[in-house]
Amino acid sequence: MGKKPFDVNDVNIFTHPKYMKVWAQQFNKACGSDTFNVAPDMKKLRFLMDKFVIDYNYHLEQLGEEEWVLINHMKK
């Protein structure tokens, strides 16, 4: 028996690289394909973009002050 696949709706995609990878695979699939003439799934793309932003913002809120300063310093 294999592991049961998880739903990215139930996790913060920034808590583990495998969650981000599954999110990215879903995003890639939702983009459609020019090669196979598959149109993008705009509803799914919008959902996945919103999921990214919400999870990212929550993740940033959870960072300690020290990490926040370090991240901002690295952006300069």
PDB file of N, CA and C in Angstrom:
ATOM      1  N   MET A   1       0.825  -1.189   0.000  1.00  0.00           N
ATOM      2  CA  MET A   1       0.000   0.000   0.000  1.00  0.00           C
ATOM      3  C   MET A   1       0.864   1.246   0.000  1.00  0.00           C
ATOM      4  N   GLY A   2       0.505   2.216  -0.834  1.00  0.00           N
ATOM      5  CA  GLY A   2       1.238   3.462  -0.885  1.00  0.00           C
ATOM      6  C   GLY A   2       0.692   4.471   0.108  1.00  0.00           C
ATOM      7  N   LYS A   3       1.429   5.542   0.244  1.00  0.00           N
ATOM      8  CA  LYS A   3       0.968   6.602   1.133  1.00  0.00           C
ATOM      9  C   LYS A   3      -0.214   7.316   0.501  1.00  0.00           C
ATOM     10  N   LYS A   4      -1.151   7.717   1.337  1.00  0.00           N
ATOM     11  CA  LYS A   4      -2.313   8.461   0.862  1.00  0.00           C
ATOM     12  C   LYS A   4      -1.860   9.877   0.489  1.00  0.00           C
ATOM     13  N   PRO A   5      -2.200  10.337  -0.721  1.00  0.00           N
ATOM     14  CA  PRO A   5      -1.812  11.700  -1.094  1.00  0.00           C
ATOM     15  C   PRO A   5      -2.515  12.719  -0.198  1.00  0.00           C
ATOM     16  N   PHE A   6      -1.845  13.804   0.072  1.00  0.00           N
ATOM     17  CA  PHE A   6      -2.440  14.833   0.915  1.00  0.00           C
ATOM     18  C   PHE A   6      -3.009  15.944   0.042  1.00  0.00           C
ATOM     19  N   ASP A   7      -3.856  16.725   0.642  1.00  0.00           N
ATOM     20  CA  ASP A   7      -4.496  17.844  -0.043  1.00  0.00           C
ATOM     21  C   ASP A   7      -3.779  19.124   0.375  1.00  0.00           C
ATOM     22  N   VAL A   8      -3.290  19.888  -0.593  1.00  0.00           N
ATOM     23  CA  VAL A   8      -2.583  21.126  -0.243  1.00  0.00           C
ATOM     24  C   VAL A   8      -3.489  22.116   0.463  1.00  0.00           C
ATOM     25  N   ASN A   9      -4.790  21.921   0.379  1.00  0.00           N
ATOM     26  CA  ASN A   9      -5.717  22.799   1.097  1.00  0.00           C
ATOM     27  C   ASN A   9      -5.574  22.646   2.605  1.00  0.00           C
ATOM     28  N   ASP A  10      -5.091  21.485   3.043  1.00  0.00           N
ATOM     29  CA  ASP A  10      -5.024  21.174   4.466  1.00  0.00           C
ATOM     30  C   ASP A  10      -3.695  21.524   5.120  1.00  0.00           C
ATOM     31  N   VAL A  11      -2.744  22.040   4.353  1.00  0.00           N
ATOM     32  CA  VAL A  11      -1.417  22.335   4.904  1.00  0.00           C
ATOM     33  C   VAL A  11      -0.959  23.717   4.444  1.00  0.00           C
ATOM     34  N   ASN A  12      -0.004  24.273   5.183  1.00  0.00           N
ATOM     35  CA  ASN A  12       0.679  25.476   4.720  1.00  0.00           C
ATOM     36  C   ASN A  12       1.824  25.000   3.833  1.00  0.00           C
ATOM     37  N   ILE A  13       1.828  25.423   2.578  1.00  0.00           N
ATOM     38  CA  ILE A  13       2.802  24.902   1.622  1.00  0.00           C
ATOM     39  C   ILE A  13       4.240  25.292   1.957  1.00  0.00           C
ATOM     40  N   PHE A  14       4.428  26.214   2.891  1.00  0.00           N
ATOM     41  CA  PHE A  14       5.771  26.641   3.270  1.00  0.00           C
ATOM     42  C   PHE A  14       6.330  25.858   4.457  1.00  0.00           C
ATOM     43  N   THR A  15       5.583  24.885   4.973  1.00  0.00           N
ATOM     44  CA  THR A  15       6.068  24.145   6.137  1.00  0.00           C
ATOM     45  C   THR A  15       6.973  22.985   5.765  1.00  0.00           C
ATOM     46  N   HIS A  16       6.950  22.552   4.509  1.00  0.00           N
ATOM     47  CA  HIS A  16       7.817  21.455   4.089  1.00  0.00           C
ATOM     48  C   HIS A  16       8.009  21.519   2.579  1.00  0.00           C
ATOM     49  N   PRO A  17       9.222  21.253   2.103  1.00  0.00           N
ATOM     50  CA  PRO A  17       9.472  21.306   0.652  1.00  0.00           C
ATOM     51  C   PRO A  17       8.551  20.414  -0.174  1.00  0.00           C
ATOM     52  N   LYS A  18       8.145  19.253   0.364  1.00  0.00           N
ATOM     53  CA  LYS A  18       7.274  18.374  -0.421  1.00  0.00           C
ATOM     54  C   LYS A  18       5.906  19.014  -0.651  1.00  0.00           C
ATOM     55  N   TYR A  19       5.433  19.846   0.294  1.00  0.00           N
ATOM     56  CA  TYR A  19       4.159  20.535   0.106  1.00  0.00           C
ATOM     57  C   TYR A  19       4.275  21.566  -1.016  1.00  0.00           C
ATOM     58  N   MET A  20       5.395  22.274  -1.041  1.00  0.00           N
ATOM     59  CA  MET A  20       5.628  23.252  -2.097  1.00  0.00           C
ATOM     60  C   MET A  20       5.721  22.548  -3.453  1.00  0.00           C
ATOM     61  N   LYS A  21       6.355  21.390  -3.459  1.00  0.00           N
ATOM     62  CA  LYS A  21       6.505  20.650  -4.703  1.00  0.00           C
ATOM     63  C   LYS A  21       5.142  20.213  -5.248  1.00  0.00           C
ATOM     64  N   VAL A  22       4.275  19.715  -4.388  1.00  0.00           N
ATOM     65  CA  VAL A  22       2.936  19.311  -4.821  1.00  0.00           C
ATOM     66  C   VAL A  22       2.163  20.525  -5.321  1.00  0.00           C
ATOM     67  N   TRP A  23       2.267  21.648  -4.595  1.00  0.00           N
ATOM     68  CA  TRP A  23       1.615  22.886  -5.040  1.00  0.00           C
ATOM     69  C   TRP A  23       2.125  23.264  -6.434  1.00  0.00           C
ATOM     70  N   ALA A  24       3.433  23.197  -6.637  1.00  0.00           N
ATOM     71  CA  ALA A  24       4.034  23.569  -7.923  1.00  0.00           C
ATOM     72  C   ALA A  24       3.567  22.644  -9.044  1.00  0.00           C
ATOM     73  N   GLN A  25       3.436  21.378  -8.754  1.00  0.00           N
ATOM     74  CA  GLN A  25       2.952  20.431  -9.767  1.00  0.00           C
ATOM     75  C   GLN A  25       1.507  20.742 -10.142  1.00  0.00           C
ATOM     76  N   GLN A  26       0.698  21.082  -9.151  1.00  0.00           N
ATOM     77  CA  GLN A  26      -0.689  21.448  -9.427  1.00  0.00           C
ATOM     78  C   GLN A  26      -0.756  22.749 -10.230  1.00  0.00           C
ATOM     79  N   PHE A  27       0.119  23.689  -9.898  1.00  0.00           N
ATOM     80  CA  PHE A  27       0.159  24.958 -10.627  1.00  0.00           C
ATOM     81  C   PHE A  27       0.557  24.713 -12.082  1.00  0.00           C
ATOM     82  N   ASN A  28       1.569  23.878 -12.273  1.00  0.00           N
ATOM     83  CA  ASN A  28       2.035  23.547 -13.616  1.00  0.00           C
ATOM     84  C   ASN A  28       0.909  22.921 -14.441  1.00  0.00           C
ATOM     85  N   LYS A  29       0.208  21.974 -13.849  1.00  0.00           N
ATOM     86  CA  LYS A  29      -0.894  21.311 -14.552  1.00  0.00           C
ATOM     87  C   LYS A  29      -2.006  22.307 -14.891  1.00  0.00           C
ATOM     88  N   ALA A  30      -2.308  23.220 -13.966  1.00  0.00           N
ATOM     89  CA  ALA A  30      -3.370  24.207 -14.185  1.00  0.00           C
ATOM     90  C   ALA A  30      -3.010  25.206 -15.289  1.00  0.00           C
ATOM     91  N   CYS A  31      -1.717  25.340 -15.579  1.00  0.00           N
ATOM     92  CA  CYS A  31      -1.286  26.259 -16.643  1.00  0.00           C
ATOM     93  C   CYS A  31      -1.663  25.765 -18.036  1.00  0.00           C
ATOM     94  N   GLY A  32      -2.038  24.494 -18.135  1.00  0.00           N
ATOM     95  CA  GLY A  32      -2.399  23.943 -19.435  1.00  0.00           C
ATOM     96  C   GLY A  32      -1.167  23.584 -20.236  1.00  0.00           C
ATOM     97  N   SER A  33      -1.361  23.376 -21.543  1.00  0.00           N
ATOM     98  CA  SER A  33      -0.256  22.965 -22.402  1.00  0.00           C
ATOM     99  C   SER A  33      -0.471  23.472 -23.816  1.00  0.00           C
ATOM    100  N   ASP A  34       0.518  24.181 -24.330  1.00  0.00           N
ATOM    101  CA  ASP A  34       0.482  24.596 -25.731  1.00  0.00           C
ATOM    102  C   ASP A  34       0.688  23.392 -26.644  1.00  0.00           C
ATOM    103  N   THR A  35       1.541  22.475 -26.210  1.00  0.00           N
ATOM    104  CA  THR A  35       1.858  21.292 -27.011  1.00  0.00           C
ATOM    105  C   THR A  35       0.626  20.429 -27.271  1.00  0.00           C
ATOM    106  N   PHE A  36      -0.171  20.226 -26.228  1.00  0.00           N
ATOM    107  CA  PHE A  36      -1.342  19.365 -26.341  1.00  0.00           C
ATOM    108  C   PHE A  36      -2.646  20.154 -26.464  1.00  0.00           C
ATOM    109  N   ASN A  37      -2.495  21.452 -26.689  1.00  0.00           N
ATOM    110  CA  ASN A  37      -3.647  22.335 -26.882  1.00  0.00           C
ATOM    111  C   ASN A  37      -4.645  22.242 -25.720  1.00  0.00           C
ATOM    112  N   VAL A  38      -4.124  22.316 -24.482  1.00  0.00           N
ATOM    113  CA  VAL A  38      -4.950  22.296 -23.283  1.00  0.00           C
ATOM    114  C   VAL A  38      -4.966  23.707 -22.706  1.00  0.00           C
ATOM    115  N   ALA A  39      -6.150  24.267 -22.592  1.00  0.00           N
ATOM    116  CA  ALA A  39      -6.298  25.631 -22.080  1.00  0.00           C
ATOM    117  C   ALA A  39      -5.989  25.678 -20.587  1.00  0.00           C
ATOM    118  N   PRO A  40      -5.503  26.816 -20.110  1.00  0.00           N
ATOM    119  CA  PRO A  40      -5.268  26.959 -18.675  1.00  0.00           C
ATOM    120  C   PRO A  40      -6.581  26.892 -17.900  1.00  0.00           C
ATOM    121  N   ASP A  41      -6.501  26.367 -16.701  1.00  0.00           N
ATOM    122  CA  ASP A  41      -7.649  26.334 -15.790  1.00  0.00           C
ATOM    123  C   ASP A  41      -7.534  27.580 -14.907  1.00  0.00           C
ATOM    124  N   MET A  42      -8.141  28.659 -15.355  1.00  0.00           N
ATOM    125  CA  MET A  42      -7.968  29.945 -14.672  1.00  0.00           C
ATOM    126  C   MET A  42      -8.517  29.938 -13.244  1.00  0.00           C
ATOM    127  N   LYS A  43      -9.582  29.198 -13.006  1.00  0.00           N
ATOM    128  CA  LYS A  43     -10.141  29.117 -11.651  1.00  0.00           C
ATOM    129  C   LYS A  43      -9.143  28.441 -10.710  1.00  0.00           C
ATOM    130  N   LYS A  44      -8.553  27.342 -11.174  1.00  0.00           N
ATOM    131  CA  LYS A  44      -7.562  26.629 -10.366  1.00  0.00           C
ATOM    132  C   LYS A  44      -6.296  27.467 -10.181  1.00  0.00           C
ATOM    133  N   LEU A  45      -5.865  28.162 -11.239  1.00  0.00           N
ATOM    134  CA  LEU A  45      -4.687  29.028 -11.123  1.00  0.00           C
ATOM    135  C   LEU A  45      -4.911  30.121 -10.089  1.00  0.00           C
ATOM    136  N   ARG A  46      -6.085  30.730 -10.122  1.00  0.00           N
ATOM    137  CA  ARG A  46      -6.391  31.793  -9.163  1.00  0.00           C
ATOM    138  C   ARG A  46      -6.385  31.252  -7.738  1.00  0.00           C
ATOM    139  N   PHE A  47      -6.996  30.071  -7.559  1.00  0.00           N
ATOM    140  CA  PHE A  47      -7.002  29.442  -6.246  1.00  0.00           C
ATOM    141  C   PHE A  47      -5.575  29.185  -5.756  1.00  0.00           C
ATOM    142  N   LEU A  48      -4.729  28.621  -6.624  1.00  0.00           N
ATOM    143  CA  LEU A  48      -3.359  28.293  -6.229  1.00  0.00           C
ATOM    144  C   LEU A  48      -2.529  29.544  -5.951  1.00  0.00           C
ATOM    145  N   MET A  49      -2.757  30.612  -6.712  1.00  0.00           N
ATOM    146  CA  MET A  49      -2.051  31.868  -6.438  1.00  0.00           C
ATOM    147  C   MET A  49      -2.483  32.440  -5.093  1.00  0.00           C
ATOM    148  N   ASP A  50      -3.773  32.406  -4.823  1.00  0.00           N
ATOM    149  CA  ASP A  50      -4.273  32.887  -3.525  1.00  0.00           C
ATOM    150  C   ASP A  50      -3.712  32.047  -2.389  1.00  0.00           C
ATOM    151  N   LYS A  51      -3.665  30.722  -2.598  1.00  0.00           N
ATOM    152  CA  LYS A  51      -3.119  29.812  -1.588  1.00  0.00           C
ATOM    153  C   LYS A  51      -1.665  30.166  -1.279  1.00  0.00           C
ATOM    154  N   PHE A  52      -0.880  30.436  -2.316  1.00  0.00           N
ATOM    155  CA  PHE A  52       0.514  30.814  -2.149  1.00  0.00           C
ATOM    156  C   PHE A  52       0.631  32.083  -1.295  1.00  0.00           C
ATOM    157  N   VAL A  53      -0.128  33.098  -1.644  1.00  0.00           N
ATOM    158  CA  VAL A  53      -0.053  34.387  -0.940  1.00  0.00           C
ATOM    159  C   VAL A  53      -0.484  34.241   0.520  1.00  0.00           C
ATOM    160  N   ILE A  54      -1.587  33.558   0.749  1.00  0.00           N
ATOM    161  CA  ILE A  54      -2.089  33.379   2.120  1.00  0.00           C
ATOM    162  C   ILE A  54      -1.092  32.597   2.963  1.00  0.00           C
ATOM    163  N   ASP A  55      -0.594  31.493   2.423  1.00  0.00           N
ATOM    164  CA  ASP A  55       0.364  30.685   3.180  1.00  0.00           C
ATOM    165  C   ASP A  55       1.671  31.428   3.402  1.00  0.00           C
ATOM    166  N   TYR A  56       2.125  32.172   2.406  1.00  0.00           N
ATOM    167  CA  TYR A  56       3.366  32.936   2.537  1.00  0.00           C
ATOM    168  C   TYR A  56       3.227  34.015   3.615  1.00  0.00           C
ATOM    169  N   ASN A  57       2.130  34.749   3.574  1.00  0.00           N
ATOM    170  CA  ASN A  57       1.911  35.800   4.570  1.00  0.00           C
ATOM    171  C   ASN A  57       1.830  35.221   5.977  1.00  0.00           C
ATOM    172  N   TYR A  58       1.149  34.096   6.131  1.00  0.00           N
ATOM    173  CA  TYR A  58       1.068  33.453   7.441  1.00  0.00           C
ATOM    174  C   TYR A  58       2.457  32.997   7.894  1.00  0.00           C
ATOM    175  N   HIS A  59       3.201  32.424   6.977  1.00  0.00           N
ATOM    176  CA  HIS A  59       4.554  31.959   7.291  1.00  0.00           C
ATOM    177  C   HIS A  59       5.427  33.124   7.767  1.00  0.00           C
ATOM    178  N   LEU A  60       5.327  34.259   7.096  1.00  0.00           N
ATOM    179  CA  LEU A  60       6.111  35.428   7.512  1.00  0.00           C
ATOM    180  C   LEU A  60       5.719  35.912   8.904  1.00  0.00           C
ATOM    181  N   GLU A  61       4.431  35.863   9.195  1.00  0.00           N
ATOM    182  CA  GLU A  61       3.971  36.283  10.526  1.00  0.00           C
ATOM    183  C   GLU A  61       4.557  35.394  11.617  1.00  0.00           C
ATOM    184  N   GLN A  62       4.809  34.132  11.270  1.00  0.00           N
ATOM    185  CA  GLN A  62       5.321  33.178  12.252  1.00  0.00           C
ATOM    186  C   GLN A  62       6.824  33.304  12.488  1.00  0.00           C
ATOM    187  N   LEU A  63       7.506  33.981  11.588  1.00  0.00           N
ATOM    188  CA  LEU A  63       8.945  34.145  11.758  1.00  0.00           C
ATOM    189  C   LEU A  63       9.231  35.016  12.974  1.00  0.00           C
ATOM    190  N   GLY A  64      10.291  34.695  13.648  1.00  0.00           N
ATOM    191  CA  GLY A  64      10.697  35.515  14.775  1.00  0.00           C
ATOM    192  C   GLY A  64      11.265  36.843  14.283  1.00  0.00           C
ATOM    193  N   GLU A  65      11.323  37.822  15.137  1.00  0.00           N
ATOM    194  CA  GLU A  65      11.833  39.157  14.789  1.00  0.00           C
ATOM    195  C   GLU A  65      13.244  39.067  14.218  1.00  0.00           C
ATOM    196  N   GLU A  66      14.060  38.195  14.764  1.00  0.00           N
ATOM    197  CA  GLU A  66      15.435  38.054  14.309  1.00  0.00           C
ATOM    198  C   GLU A  66      15.498  37.577  12.860  1.00  0.00           C
ATOM    199  N   GLU A  67      14.672  36.595  12.520  1.00  0.00           N
ATOM    200  CA  GLU A  67      14.635  36.090  11.146  1.00  0.00           C
ATOM    201  C   GLU A  67      14.091  37.149  10.195  1.00  0.00           C
ATOM    202  N   TRP A  68      13.098  37.898  10.618  1.00  0.00           N
ATOM    203  CA  TRP A  68      12.507  38.947   9.798  1.00  0.00           C
ATOM    204  C   TRP A  68      13.554  40.005   9.440  1.00  0.00           C
ATOM    205  N   VAL A  69      14.357  40.409  10.412  1.00  0.00           N
ATOM    206  CA  VAL A  69      15.411  41.389  10.174  1.00  0.00           C
ATOM    207  C   VAL A  69      16.427  40.823   9.190  1.00  0.00           C
ATOM    208  N   LEU A  70      16.790  39.560   9.338  1.00  0.00           N
ATOM    209  CA  LEU A  70      17.755  38.913   8.468  1.00  0.00           C
ATOM    210  C   LEU A  70      17.237  38.875   7.026  1.00  0.00           C
ATOM    211  N   ILE A  71      15.980  38.508   6.832  1.00  0.00           N
ATOM    212  CA  ILE A  71      15.395  38.457   5.506  1.00  0.00           C
ATOM    213  C   ILE A  71      15.396  39.827   4.847  1.00  0.00           C
ATOM    214  N   ASN A  72      14.973  40.841   5.580  1.00  0.00           N
ATOM    215  CA  ASN A  72      14.948  42.194   5.032  1.00  0.00           C
ATOM    216  C   ASN A  72      16.347  42.708   4.705  1.00  0.00           C
ATOM    217  N   HIS A  73      17.320  42.342   5.517  1.00  0.00           N
ATOM    218  CA  HIS A  73      18.701  42.750   5.265  1.00  0.00           C
ATOM    219  C   HIS A  73      19.235  42.107   3.984  1.00  0.00           C
ATOM    220  N   MET A  74      18.845  40.855   3.738  1.00  0.00           N
ATOM    221  CA  MET A  74      19.311  40.134   2.559  1.00  0.00           C
ATOM    222  C   MET A  74      18.712  40.720   1.277  1.00  0.00           C
ATOM    223  N   LYS A  75      17.563  41.354   1.363  1.00  0.00           N
ATOM    224  CA  LYS A  75      16.919  41.934   0.181  1.00  0.00           C
ATOM    225  C   LYS A  75      17.633  43.186  -0.302  1.00  0.00           C
ATOM    226  N   LYS A  76      18.399  43.805   0.572  1.00  0.00           N
ATOM    227  CA  LYS A  76      19.059  45.074   0.200  1.00  0.00           C
ATOM    228  C   LYS A  76      20.264  44.833  -0.643  1.00  0.00           C
TER     229      LYS A  76
END
